Amino acid sequence: MHRSDTLAVLSASLLTDNRQGISVFLDRLRGLPIVLDARALKGSATGFLKTIGIEPNRFERILDFRNDEPKKEKCEAIADMLVQPEASAIRRVFLVGVGPDEMISTGEIRNLLNGAEHKQEIEIASIGMRAGIEHDIALQRAGADFLAATLEEAADLL
């Protein structure tokens, strides 16, 4: 894992909803370890990334779960990754997503880390992508720590 104090976990829905801005966004995050939550994709994450011109090796890890698998597996995978020795430098984790369920994951990861034998303090926050008043309210109710109107704004928060 990269020697950075910040880990970014991106929802694949960002790739499908913001294709034009995603390359610039990923460039702004260069140097940070990035995990891709590929649950929103219908097929292979690697295949999808290549079709939109993004090399899969830009991601530290791809969580390639299927849509019908519970998001609990994603939360457990991220929490497990954070307690590994190679992640000892990580102090901040940002989950960036579009839907309210992605904001709820932040709380679940916090709970898993609190229950783990984990000595370091890790700040976990979520950034929801704005999409109108009703959507923004749903994100906030689900626990979004920040709202961003653009991928550039989300990168600034990281």
Protein backbone atom coordinates (compact mmCIF):
# COMPACT_ATOMS: atom_id res chain seq x y z
CA MET A 1 0.00 0.00 0.00
CA HIS A 2 1.21 3.55 -0.73
CA ARG A 3 2.75 5.42 2.19
CA SER A 4 0.02 8.01 2.55
CA ASP A 5 -2.10 8.97 5.52
CA THR A 6 -5.27 9.15 3.40
CA LEU A 7 -7.17 6.35 1.65
CA ALA A 8 -9.90 7.10 -0.87
CA VAL A 9 -12.69 4.54 -1.45
CA LEU A 10 -14.60 5.38 -4.61
CA SER A 11 -17.96 4.00 -5.65
CA ALA A 12 -18.09 2.70 -9.21
CA SER A 13 -21.24 4.80 -9.64
CA LEU A 14 -18.90 7.81 -9.82
CA LEU A 15 -17.36 6.28 -12.93
CA THR A 16 -20.68 5.60 -14.61
CA ASP A 17 -22.26 8.95 -13.70
CA ASN A 18 -19.23 11.22 -14.30
CA ARG A 19 -17.24 9.64 -17.11
CA GLN A 20 -15.90 12.89 -18.48
CA GLY A 21 -14.53 14.18 -15.19
CA ILE A 22 -13.25 10.95 -13.69
CA SER A 23 -9.79 11.02 -15.28
CA VAL A 24 -9.13 14.54 -14.00
CA PHE A 25 -10.45 13.48 -10.59
CA LEU A 26 -8.14 10.45 -10.48
CA ASP A 27 -5.21 12.64 -11.55
CA ARG A 28 -5.94 14.98 -8.63
CA LEU A 29 -5.79 11.96 -6.30
CA ARG A 30 -2.46 10.71 -7.66
CA GLY A 31 -0.26 9.60 -4.80
CA LEU A 32 -3.19 8.47 -2.65
CA PRO A 33 -4.10 4.81 -2.40
CA ILE A 34 -7.52 4.37 -4.02
CA VAL A 35 -9.91 1.47 -3.56
CA LEU A 36 -12.73 1.01 -6.06
CA ASP A 37 -16.05 -0.37 -4.80
CA ALA A 38 -17.24 -2.02 -8.01
CA ARG A 39 -20.60 -3.30 -6.70
CA ALA A 40 -22.54 -0.94 -8.98
CA LEU A 41 -21.08 -2.46 -12.14
CA LYS A 42 -22.95 -5.17 -14.01
CA GLY A 43 -19.90 -6.94 -15.41
CA SER A 44 -16.19 -7.15 -14.81
CA ALA A 45 -14.68 -4.08 -13.15
CA THR A 46 -11.45 -4.52 -15.08
CA GLY A 47 -13.29 -4.72 -18.40
CA PHE A 48 -15.40 -1.68 -17.61
CA LEU A 49 -12.39 0.39 -16.58
CA LYS A 50 -10.60 -0.43 -19.81
CA THR A 51 -13.66 0.53 -21.91
CA ILE A 52 -13.69 4.01 -20.37
CA GLY A 53 -9.92 4.42 -20.72
CA ILE A 54 -8.84 3.94 -17.10
CA GLU A 55 -6.12 1.45 -16.26
CA PRO A 56 -7.15 -0.89 -13.43
CA ASN A 57 -3.68 -0.52 -11.86
CA ARG A 58 -4.64 3.05 -10.84
CA PHE A 59 -6.46 1.39 -7.95
CA GLU A 60 -4.81 -0.12 -4.91
CA ARG A 61 -7.61 -2.65 -4.73
CA ILE A 62 -10.87 -3.36 -6.55
CA LEU A 63 -13.72 -4.71 -4.44
CA ASP A 64 -15.52 -6.58 -7.19
CA PHE A 65 -18.63 -7.77 -5.35
CA ARG A 66 -21.86 -8.46 -7.19
CA ASN A 67 -24.95 -6.28 -6.69
CA ASP A 68 -26.84 -8.97 -4.79
CA GLU A 69 -24.13 -9.37 -2.16
CA PRO A 70 -24.66 -7.34 1.01
CA LYS A 71 -22.70 -4.15 1.45
CA LYS A 72 -21.56 -5.61 4.77
CA GLU A 73 -18.90 -7.51 2.80
CA LYS A 74 -17.54 -4.24 1.43
CA CYS A 75 -17.39 -2.74 4.92
CA GLU A 76 -15.67 -5.82 6.32
CA ALA A 77 -13.14 -5.84 3.46
CA ILE A 78 -12.25 -2.18 4.03
CA ALA A 79 -12.03 -2.57 7.82
CA ASP A 80 -9.85 -5.67 7.39
CA MET A 81 -7.58 -3.80 4.98
CA LEU A 82 -7.15 -0.97 7.51
CA VAL A 83 -5.97 -3.25 10.33
CA GLN A 84 -3.20 -4.80 8.21
CA PRO A 85 0.41 -3.76 8.96
CA GLU A 86 0.89 -2.30 5.47
CA ALA A 87 -1.94 0.18 6.20
CA SER A 88 -0.38 1.46 9.42
CA ALA A 89 0.19 4.94 7.94
CA ILE A 90 -3.51 5.44 7.11
CA ARG A 91 -5.16 7.97 9.42
CA ARG A 92 -8.01 9.19 7.20
CA VAL A 93 -10.44 7.31 4.97
CA PHE A 94 -12.86 9.05 2.64
CA LEU A 95 -15.71 7.12 1.01
CA VAL A 96 -16.89 9.00 -2.06
CA GLY A 97 -20.20 7.97 -3.55
CA VAL A 98 -23.51 8.90 -5.09
CA GLY A 99 -26.13 6.98 -3.12
CA PRO A 100 -27.31 7.08 0.51
CA ASP A 101 -26.28 3.44 1.08
CA GLU A 102 -22.69 4.47 0.42
CA MET A 103 -22.95 7.03 3.24
CA ILE A 104 -24.33 4.40 5.62
CA SER A 105 -21.23 2.28 4.93
CA THR A 106 -19.11 4.89 6.70
CA GLY A 107 -20.87 4.23 10.01
CA GLU A 108 -20.61 0.48 9.54
CA ILE A 109 -16.84 0.68 8.93
CA ARG A 110 -16.45 2.88 12.03
CA ASN A 111 -18.32 0.25 14.09
CA LEU A 112 -16.17 -2.57 12.73
CA LEU A 113 -12.96 -0.70 13.52
CA ASN A 114 -14.15 0.17 17.02
CA GLY A 115 -14.74 -3.53 17.65
CA ALA A 116 -11.38 -4.58 16.20
CA GLU A 117 -8.19 -4.81 18.15
CA HIS A 118 -6.90 -1.72 16.47
CA LYS A 119 -4.55 0.70 18.16
CA GLN A 120 -4.44 3.60 15.72
CA GLU A 121 -7.06 6.28 15.36
CA ILE A 122 -8.58 6.46 11.89
CA GLU A 123 -10.94 9.22 10.84
CA ILE A 124 -13.59 7.93 8.45
CA ALA A 125 -15.75 10.34 6.48
CA SER A 126 -18.09 10.18 3.53
CA ILE A 127 -18.50 12.55 0.62
CA GLY A 128 -21.81 12.40 -1.21
CA MET A 129 -22.24 13.79 -4.69
CA ARG A 130 -25.04 16.36 -4.86
CA ALA A 131 -27.90 15.77 -7.28
CA GLY A 132 -30.76 18.03 -6.23
CA ILE A 133 -32.45 18.95 -2.96
CA GLU A 134 -34.26 15.64 -2.31
CA HIS A 135 -31.15 13.60 -3.08
CA ASP A 136 -28.98 15.87 -0.92
CA ILE A 137 -31.39 15.47 2.01
CA ALA A 138 -31.32 11.67 1.57
CA LEU A 139 -27.50 11.75 1.61
CA GLN A 140 -27.48 13.85 4.78
CA ARG A 141 -30.02 11.59 6.50
CA ALA A 142 -27.86 8.60 5.60
CA GLY A 143 -24.89 10.24 7.32
CA ALA A 144 -22.95 12.07 4.61
CA ASP A 145 -20.21 14.08 6.29
CA PHE A 146 -19.72 16.30 3.24
CA LEU A 147 -21.59 17.05 0.02
CA ALA A 148 -19.79 17.95 -3.20
CA ALA A 149 -21.33 19.38 -6.35
CA THR A 150 -18.47 18.26 -8.60
CA LEU A 151 -15.67 15.72 -8.61
CA GLU A 152 -13.24 18.66 -8.39
CA GLU A 153 -14.92 19.77 -5.17
CA ALA A 154 -14.75 16.19 -3.82
CA ALA A 155 -11.01 16.07 -4.64
CA ASP A 156 -10.53 19.34 -2.73
CA LEU A 157 -12.13 17.74 0.34
CA LEU A 158 -9.70 14.84 0.17
